[in-house]
Amino acid sequence: MPIANRYSMEQLLDACKYYVGKTDRRITFEYTMIDGVNDEKEHVEELAEKLKGILCHVNLIPVNAVTERNLKRSNQDKIIKFKNILEAKGIETTIRRELGTDIDAACGQLRRRYQEI
């Protein structure tokens, strides 16, 4: 989304902290797990540091394979380790339940297929 380029990560996190402070409501962060891109120990450490002190919940989402993209989902062991590290740091975390991947209808997959002519 173009608006995503308008504000820095720090500005967004400041807005989240402000929101929580005003409403006392928890924020959910969606984190898509991509093999070799953002699923290593340094990534979870950075995420935990950025979310430190924010009343939040993290929903880990294994990326769904899309034929036109070369992204692969993190393996289940990595995802569980990622979750365990976040929880050890006091951040509530769940792993998104997967539905529809077998028919290319999961989140991010449901789209029109393009065929080469």
C-alpha atoms as a PDB file:
ATOM      1  CA  MET A   1       0.000   0.000   0.000  1.00  0.00           C
ATOM      2  CA  PRO A   2       1.433   3.381  -0.955  1.00  0.00           C
ATOM      3  CA  ILE A   3       0.610   4.882   2.447  1.00  0.00           C
ATOM      4  CA  ALA A   4       3.086   2.418   3.988  1.00  0.00           C
ATOM      5  CA  ASN A   5       5.951   4.443   2.528  1.00  0.00           C
ATOM      6  CA  ARG A   6       4.760   7.693   4.084  1.00  0.00           C
ATOM      7  CA  TYR A   7       5.601   6.930   7.714  1.00  0.00           C
ATOM      8  CA  SER A   8       8.722   5.407   9.204  1.00  0.00           C
ATOM      9  CA  MET A   9       8.605   2.312  11.404  1.00  0.00           C
ATOM     10  CA  GLU A  10       9.399   4.511  14.411  1.00  0.00           C
ATOM     11  CA  GLN A  11       6.479   6.830  13.616  1.00  0.00           C
ATOM     12  CA  LEU A  12       4.123   3.865  13.312  1.00  0.00           C
ATOM     13  CA  LEU A  13       5.298   2.357  16.593  1.00  0.00           C
ATOM     14  CA  ASP A  14       4.950   5.739  18.317  1.00  0.00           C
ATOM     15  CA  ALA A  15       1.364   5.923  17.029  1.00  0.00           C
ATOM     16  CA  CYS A  16       0.731   2.401  18.356  1.00  0.00           C
ATOM     17  CA  LYS A  17       2.082   3.365  21.778  1.00  0.00           C
ATOM     18  CA  TYR A  18      -0.084   6.490  21.773  1.00  0.00           C
ATOM     19  CA  TYR A  19      -3.172   4.444  20.848  1.00  0.00           C
ATOM     20  CA  VAL A  20      -2.566   1.888  23.593  1.00  0.00           C
ATOM     21  CA  GLY A  21      -1.952   4.673  26.098  1.00  0.00           C
ATOM     22  CA  LYS A  22      -5.220   6.410  25.215  1.00  0.00           C
ATOM     23  CA  THR A  23      -7.442   3.331  24.874  1.00  0.00           C
ATOM     24  CA  ASP A  24      -5.762   0.654  26.996  1.00  0.00           C
ATOM     25  CA  ARG A  25      -6.559  -1.700  24.114  1.00  0.00           C
ATOM     26  CA  ARG A  26      -4.161  -4.291  22.767  1.00  0.00           C
ATOM     27  CA  ILE A  27      -2.792  -4.040  19.227  1.00  0.00           C
ATOM     28  CA  THR A  28      -2.286  -7.081  17.008  1.00  0.00           C
ATOM     29  CA  PHE A  29       0.738  -7.159  14.743  1.00  0.00           C
ATOM     30  CA  GLU A  30       0.691  -9.520  11.758  1.00  0.00           C
ATOM     31  CA  TYR A  31       4.144 -10.930  10.927  1.00  0.00           C
ATOM     32  CA  THR A  32       4.535 -12.978   7.768  1.00  0.00           C
ATOM     33  CA  MET A  33       7.229 -15.645   8.134  1.00  0.00           C
ATOM     34  CA  ILE A  34       9.375 -15.937   4.987  1.00  0.00           C
ATOM     35  CA  ASP A  35      12.138 -18.527   4.857  1.00  0.00           C
ATOM     36  CA  GLY A  36      15.576 -16.922   4.899  1.00  0.00           C
ATOM     37  CA  VAL A  37      14.171 -13.394   4.736  1.00  0.00           C
ATOM     38  CA  ASN A  38      12.818 -12.560   8.198  1.00  0.00           C
ATOM     39  CA  ASP A  39      12.808 -15.740  10.263  1.00  0.00           C
ATOM     40  CA  GLU A  40      16.263 -15.785  11.852  1.00  0.00           C
ATOM     41  CA  LYS A  41      17.192 -15.210  15.506  1.00  0.00           C
ATOM     42  CA  GLU A  42      18.309 -11.635  14.831  1.00  0.00           C
ATOM     43  CA  HIS A  43      14.902 -10.879  13.318  1.00  0.00           C
ATOM     44  CA  VAL A  44      12.952 -12.088  16.326  1.00  0.00           C
ATOM     45  CA  GLU A  45      15.303 -10.186  18.636  1.00  0.00           C
ATOM     46  CA  GLU A  46      14.781  -6.988  16.625  1.00  0.00           C
ATOM     47  CA  LEU A  47      11.004  -7.485  16.576  1.00  0.00           C
ATOM     48  CA  ALA A  48      10.887  -8.085  20.327  1.00  0.00           C
ATOM     49  CA  GLU A  49      12.947  -4.947  20.942  1.00  0.00           C
ATOM     50  CA  LYS A  50      10.662  -2.830  18.749  1.00  0.00           C
ATOM     51  CA  LEU A  51       7.535  -4.133  20.508  1.00  0.00           C
ATOM     52  CA  LYS A  52       8.983  -3.841  24.014  1.00  0.00           C
ATOM     53  CA  GLY A  53       6.550  -2.022  26.293  1.00  0.00           C
ATOM     54  CA  ILE A  54       3.615  -2.101  23.843  1.00  0.00           C
ATOM     55  CA  LEU A  55       0.456  -3.926  24.917  1.00  0.00           C
ATOM     56  CA  CYS A  56       0.279  -6.199  21.887  1.00  0.00           C
ATOM     57  CA  HIS A  57      -0.207  -9.591  20.361  1.00  0.00           C
ATOM     58  CA  VAL A  58       1.809 -10.988  17.442  1.00  0.00           C
ATOM     59  CA  ASN A  59       0.182 -13.243  14.894  1.00  0.00           C
ATOM     60  CA  LEU A  60       2.824 -15.234  12.992  1.00  0.00           C
ATOM     61  CA  ILE A  61       1.712 -16.051   9.460  1.00  0.00           C
ATOM     62  CA  PRO A  62       3.639 -18.599   7.381  1.00  0.00           C
ATOM     63  CA  VAL A  63       3.780 -17.038   3.905  1.00  0.00           C
ATOM     64  CA  ASN A  64       1.638 -18.826   1.357  1.00  0.00           C
ATOM     65  CA  ALA A  65       3.401 -19.965  -1.772  1.00  0.00           C
ATOM     66  CA  VAL A  66       2.487 -17.997  -4.876  1.00  0.00           C
ATOM     67  CA  THR A  67       3.628 -19.377  -8.211  1.00  0.00           C
ATOM     68  CA  GLU A  68       4.768 -15.961  -9.496  1.00  0.00           C
ATOM     69  CA  ARG A  69       6.906 -15.237  -6.412  1.00  0.00           C
ATOM     70  CA  ASN A  70      10.002 -17.011  -5.153  1.00  0.00           C
ATOM     71  CA  LEU A  71       9.083 -16.831  -1.467  1.00  0.00           C
ATOM     72  CA  LYS A  72       8.911 -19.904   0.721  1.00  0.00           C
ATOM     73  CA  ARG A  73       7.309 -20.362   4.084  1.00  0.00           C
ATOM     74  CA  SER A  74       9.517 -20.797   7.096  1.00  0.00           C
ATOM     75  CA  ASN A  75       9.612 -24.356   8.348  1.00  0.00           C
ATOM     76  CA  GLN A  76       7.458 -25.236  11.335  1.00  0.00           C
ATOM     77  CA  ASP A  77      10.425 -25.634  13.719  1.00  0.00           C
ATOM     78  CA  LYS A  78      11.649 -22.106  12.949  1.00  0.00           C
ATOM     79  CA  ILE A  79       8.177 -20.679  13.425  1.00  0.00           C
ATOM     80  CA  ILE A  80       7.773 -22.405  16.791  1.00  0.00           C
ATOM     81  CA  LYS A  81      11.207 -21.190  17.944  1.00  0.00           C
ATOM     82  CA  PHE A  82      10.321 -17.654  16.825  1.00  0.00           C
ATOM     83  CA  LYS A  83       7.070 -17.860  18.810  1.00  0.00           C
ATOM     84  CA  ASN A  84       8.815 -19.223  21.897  1.00  0.00           C
ATOM     85  CA  ILE A  85      11.383 -16.410  21.893  1.00  0.00           C
ATOM     86  CA  LEU A  86       8.682 -13.748  21.641  1.00  0.00           C
ATOM     87  CA  GLU A  87       6.698 -15.355  24.452  1.00  0.00           C
ATOM     88  CA  ALA A  88       9.801 -15.636  26.628  1.00  0.00           C
ATOM     89  CA  LYS A  89      10.140 -11.868  26.204  1.00  0.00           C
ATOM     90  CA  GLY A  90       6.554 -11.358  27.382  1.00  0.00           C
ATOM     91  CA  ILE A  91       4.918 -10.890  23.981  1.00  0.00           C
ATOM     92  CA  GLU A  92       1.724 -12.881  23.414  1.00  0.00           C
ATOM     93  CA  THR A  93       2.048 -14.778  20.158  1.00  0.00           C
ATOM     94  CA  THR A  94       0.016 -17.191  18.068  1.00  0.00           C
ATOM     95  CA  ILE A  95       0.695 -19.008  14.819  1.00  0.00           C
ATOM     96  CA  ARG A  96      -1.991 -18.454  12.199  1.00  0.00           C
ATOM     97  CA  ARG A  97      -3.993 -21.548  11.364  1.00  0.00           C
ATOM     98  CA  GLU A  98      -3.741 -22.365   7.685  1.00  0.00           C
ATOM     99  CA  LEU A  99      -6.738 -22.975   5.478  1.00  0.00           C
ATOM    100  CA  GLY A 100      -7.029 -23.176   1.702  1.00  0.00           C
ATOM    101  CA  THR A 101      -3.384 -23.659   0.745  1.00  0.00           C
ATOM    102  CA  ASP A 102      -4.181 -26.967  -0.915  1.00  0.00           C
ATOM    103  CA  ILE A 103      -6.405 -25.204  -3.464  1.00  0.00           C
ATOM    104  CA  ASP A 104      -4.435 -21.939  -3.796  1.00  0.00           C
ATOM    105  CA  ALA A 105      -7.123 -20.070  -1.880  1.00  0.00           C
ATOM    106  CA  ALA A 106      -5.249 -19.096   1.273  1.00  0.00           C
ATOM    107  CA  CYS A 107      -4.529 -15.491   2.228  1.00  0.00           C
ATOM    108  CA  GLY A 108      -2.463 -13.901  -0.534  1.00  0.00           C
ATOM    109  CA  GLN A 109      -3.120 -16.749  -2.955  1.00  0.00           C
ATOM    110  CA  LEU A 110      -6.684 -16.061  -4.009  1.00  0.00           C
ATOM    111  CA  ARG A 111      -6.161 -14.135  -7.188  1.00  0.00           C
ATOM    112  CA  ARG A 112      -6.522 -14.379 -10.907  1.00  0.00           C
ATOM    113  CA  ARG A 113      -3.939 -16.612 -12.548  1.00  0.00           C
ATOM    114  CA  TYR A 114      -2.072 -15.179 -15.495  1.00  0.00           C
ATOM    115  CA  GLN A 115      -1.131 -17.450 -18.350  1.00  0.00           C
ATOM    116  CA  GLU A 116       1.666 -16.908 -20.823  1.00  0.00           C
ATOM    117  CA  ILE A 117       0.318 -16.505 -24.351  1.00  0.00           C
END
